[in-house]
N, C-alpha and C. Protein backbone atom coordinates (compact mmCIF):
# COMPACT_ATOMS: atom_id res chain seq x y z
N MET A 1 193.93 8.27 154.77
CA MET A 1 193.98 9.50 154.00
C MET A 1 194.09 9.08 152.55
N ARG A 2 193.26 9.55 151.74
CA ARG A 2 193.31 9.29 150.32
C ARG A 2 194.23 10.28 149.64
N THR A 3 195.14 9.76 148.85
CA THR A 3 196.10 10.60 148.11
C THR A 3 196.27 10.05 146.72
N ASN A 4 196.29 10.87 145.75
CA ASN A 4 196.61 10.38 144.36
C ASN A 4 198.06 10.68 144.10
N ILE A 5 198.81 9.68 143.62
CA ILE A 5 200.20 9.87 143.26
C ILE A 5 200.48 9.18 141.96
N VAL A 6 201.50 9.64 141.24
CA VAL A 6 201.92 9.01 140.06
C VAL A 6 203.08 8.08 140.43
N LEU A 7 202.97 6.83 140.04
CA LEU A 7 204.00 5.84 140.36
C LEU A 7 204.67 5.37 139.06
N ASP A 8 205.94 5.05 139.16
CA ASP A 8 206.67 4.41 138.08
C ASP A 8 206.13 3.00 137.94
N ASP A 9 205.49 2.71 136.86
CA ASP A 9 204.84 1.41 136.65
C ASP A 9 205.87 0.21 136.80
N GLN A 10 207.05 0.35 136.21
CA GLN A 10 208.05 -0.71 136.36
C GLN A 10 208.53 -0.87 137.79
N LEU A 11 208.71 0.22 138.47
CA LEU A 11 209.10 0.15 139.86
C LEU A 11 208.12 -0.54 140.76
N ILE A 12 206.88 -0.15 140.60
CA ILE A 12 205.82 -0.75 141.43
C ILE A 12 205.62 -2.23 141.08
N GLU A 13 205.75 -2.59 139.81
CA GLU A 13 205.66 -3.94 139.44
C GLU A 13 206.78 -4.83 140.02
N GLN A 14 208.01 -4.25 139.97
CA GLN A 14 209.15 -4.90 140.57
C GLN A 14 208.96 -5.09 142.06
N ALA A 15 208.47 -4.12 142.74
CA ALA A 15 208.26 -4.18 144.16
C ALA A 15 207.23 -5.23 144.48
N MET A 16 206.17 -5.29 143.67
CA MET A 16 205.10 -6.25 143.97
C MET A 16 205.62 -7.74 143.69
N ARG A 17 206.41 -7.89 142.69
CA ARG A 17 206.99 -9.21 142.37
C ARG A 17 207.93 -9.61 143.49
N ALA A 18 208.80 -8.66 143.87
CA ALA A 18 209.84 -8.98 144.88
C ALA A 18 209.27 -9.34 146.23
N THR A 19 208.16 -8.71 146.54
CA THR A 19 207.56 -8.93 147.87
C THR A 19 206.36 -9.91 147.90
N GLY A 20 205.85 -10.19 146.70
CA GLY A 20 204.67 -11.05 146.66
C GLY A 20 203.38 -10.37 147.04
N LEU A 21 203.48 -9.05 147.22
CA LEU A 21 202.26 -8.25 147.54
C LEU A 21 201.32 -8.23 146.36
N LYS A 22 200.01 -8.13 146.64
CA LYS A 22 199.07 -8.25 145.53
C LYS A 22 198.55 -6.89 145.06
N THR A 23 198.70 -5.85 145.86
CA THR A 23 198.20 -4.54 145.50
C THR A 23 199.24 -3.47 145.51
N LYS A 24 199.02 -2.43 144.72
CA LYS A 24 199.94 -1.33 144.69
C LYS A 24 199.93 -0.66 146.06
N ARG A 25 198.76 -0.55 146.71
CA ARG A 25 198.68 0.07 147.97
C ARG A 25 199.54 -0.71 149.03
N ALA A 26 199.46 -2.01 148.99
CA ALA A 26 200.26 -2.79 149.94
C ALA A 26 201.77 -2.58 149.66
N ALA A 27 202.16 -2.48 148.41
CA ALA A 27 203.55 -2.27 148.06
C ALA A 27 204.04 -0.96 148.50
N VAL A 28 203.23 0.11 148.32
CA VAL A 28 203.61 1.47 148.71
C VAL A 28 203.69 1.52 150.23
N GLU A 29 202.72 0.94 150.95
CA GLU A 29 202.78 0.98 152.38
C GLU A 29 203.96 0.23 152.93
N ALA A 30 204.30 -0.94 152.36
CA ALA A 30 205.51 -1.68 152.78
C ALA A 30 206.73 -0.87 152.55
N GLY A 31 206.84 -0.19 151.40
CA GLY A 31 207.98 0.61 151.14
C GLY A 31 208.10 1.75 152.08
N LEU A 32 207.05 2.43 152.45
CA LEU A 32 207.05 3.53 153.40
C LEU A 32 207.49 3.03 154.81
N LYS A 33 206.99 1.90 155.20
CA LYS A 33 207.35 1.33 156.49
C LYS A 33 208.83 1.01 156.56
N LEU A 34 209.31 0.43 155.44
CA LEU A 34 210.76 0.09 155.39
C LEU A 34 211.61 1.32 155.41
N LEU A 35 211.21 2.36 154.70
CA LEU A 35 211.95 3.62 154.73
C LEU A 35 212.07 4.20 156.14
N ILE A 36 210.94 4.15 156.82
CA ILE A 36 210.96 4.69 158.20
C ILE A 36 211.85 3.84 159.08
N GLN A 37 211.80 2.52 158.92
CA GLN A 37 212.60 1.61 159.76
C GLN A 37 214.09 1.82 159.44
N VAL A 38 214.47 1.97 158.18
CA VAL A 38 215.86 2.15 157.82
C VAL A 38 216.39 3.45 158.39
N ARG A 39 215.61 4.55 158.24
CA ARG A 39 216.06 5.80 158.81
C ARG A 39 216.19 5.77 160.29
N ALA A 40 215.30 5.08 161.00
CA ALA A 40 215.42 4.93 162.42
C ALA A 40 216.66 4.19 162.82
N GLN A 41 216.93 3.11 162.10
CA GLN A 41 218.17 2.36 162.40
C GLN A 41 219.43 3.18 162.13
N ALA A 42 219.41 4.00 161.14
CA ALA A 42 220.57 4.85 160.83
C ALA A 42 220.73 5.82 161.98
N GLY A 43 219.68 6.36 162.54
CA GLY A 43 219.79 7.21 163.69
C GLY A 43 220.42 6.55 164.87
N VAL A 44 220.03 5.30 165.09
CA VAL A 44 220.59 4.51 166.25
C VAL A 44 222.07 4.28 165.96
N ARG A 45 222.42 3.93 164.74
CA ARG A 45 223.84 3.65 164.43
C ARG A 45 224.70 4.90 164.64
N ARG A 46 224.15 6.09 164.37
CA ARG A 46 224.97 7.31 164.59
C ARG A 46 225.27 7.52 166.08
N LEU A 47 224.47 6.95 166.95
CA LEU A 47 224.69 7.01 168.37
C LEU A 47 225.77 6.11 168.92
N ARG A 48 226.14 5.10 168.08
CA ARG A 48 227.07 4.07 168.51
C ARG A 48 228.38 4.71 169.02
N GLY A 49 228.81 4.33 170.19
CA GLY A 49 229.99 4.85 170.78
C GLY A 49 229.86 6.21 171.49
N ARG A 50 228.65 6.79 171.44
CA ARG A 50 228.44 8.13 172.03
C ARG A 50 227.66 8.03 173.37
N ILE A 51 227.10 6.94 173.58
CA ILE A 51 226.25 6.76 174.81
C ILE A 51 226.95 5.74 175.68
N ALA A 52 227.14 6.17 176.95
CA ALA A 52 227.75 5.28 177.89
C ALA A 52 226.69 4.38 178.52
N TRP A 53 226.94 3.07 178.53
CA TRP A 53 225.96 2.19 179.11
C TRP A 53 226.58 1.50 180.31
N GLU A 54 225.81 1.50 181.33
CA GLU A 54 226.29 0.81 182.58
C GLU A 54 225.24 -0.24 182.92
N GLY A 55 225.76 -1.40 183.09
CA GLY A 55 224.85 -2.55 183.45
C GLY A 55 225.59 -3.83 183.55
N ASP A 56 224.94 -4.85 183.93
CA ASP A 56 225.47 -6.16 184.10
C ASP A 56 224.71 -7.15 183.23
N LEU A 57 225.28 -7.52 182.11
CA LEU A 57 224.58 -8.41 181.17
C LEU A 57 224.28 -9.77 181.82
N ASP A 58 225.20 -10.27 182.62
CA ASP A 58 224.94 -11.56 183.20
C ASP A 58 223.80 -11.49 184.16
N GLN A 59 223.66 -10.39 184.90
CA GLN A 59 222.54 -10.23 185.79
C GLN A 59 221.21 -10.09 185.01
N MET A 60 221.27 -9.35 183.88
CA MET A 60 220.06 -9.21 183.09
C MET A 60 219.65 -10.57 182.47
N ARG A 61 220.58 -11.36 182.13
CA ARG A 61 220.33 -12.69 181.55
C ARG A 61 219.83 -13.75 182.60
N ALA A 62 220.11 -13.50 183.88
CA ALA A 62 219.77 -14.45 184.90
C ALA A 62 218.26 -14.67 184.85
N GLY A 63 217.82 -15.91 184.93
CA GLY A 63 216.44 -16.24 185.02
C GLY A 63 215.80 -16.46 183.60
N ARG A 64 216.57 -16.17 182.56
CA ARG A 64 216.06 -16.43 181.21
C ARG A 64 216.11 -17.93 180.92
N VAL A 65 215.21 -18.37 180.16
CA VAL A 65 215.21 -19.77 179.73
C VAL A 65 216.16 -19.89 178.53
N ALA A 66 217.07 -20.86 178.64
CA ALA A 66 218.03 -21.07 177.56
C ALA A 66 217.25 -21.62 176.30
N SER A 67 217.63 -21.14 175.15
CA SER A 67 216.96 -21.63 173.95
C SER A 67 217.71 -22.73 173.27
């Protein structure tokens, strides 16, 4: 989808330098992906202690190759 947006020149330059990305598009896409990931993680953290888990970790680990 083509969209025209006004970007803060300093902010986009800092993002490109910090990430090594070569284009504004790549920097914006990386930022959007990171924002989505951070928000999803925050949602999972809010569930901590509210969901009961039943299982046997030793059984789940059985058969795994040790690293």
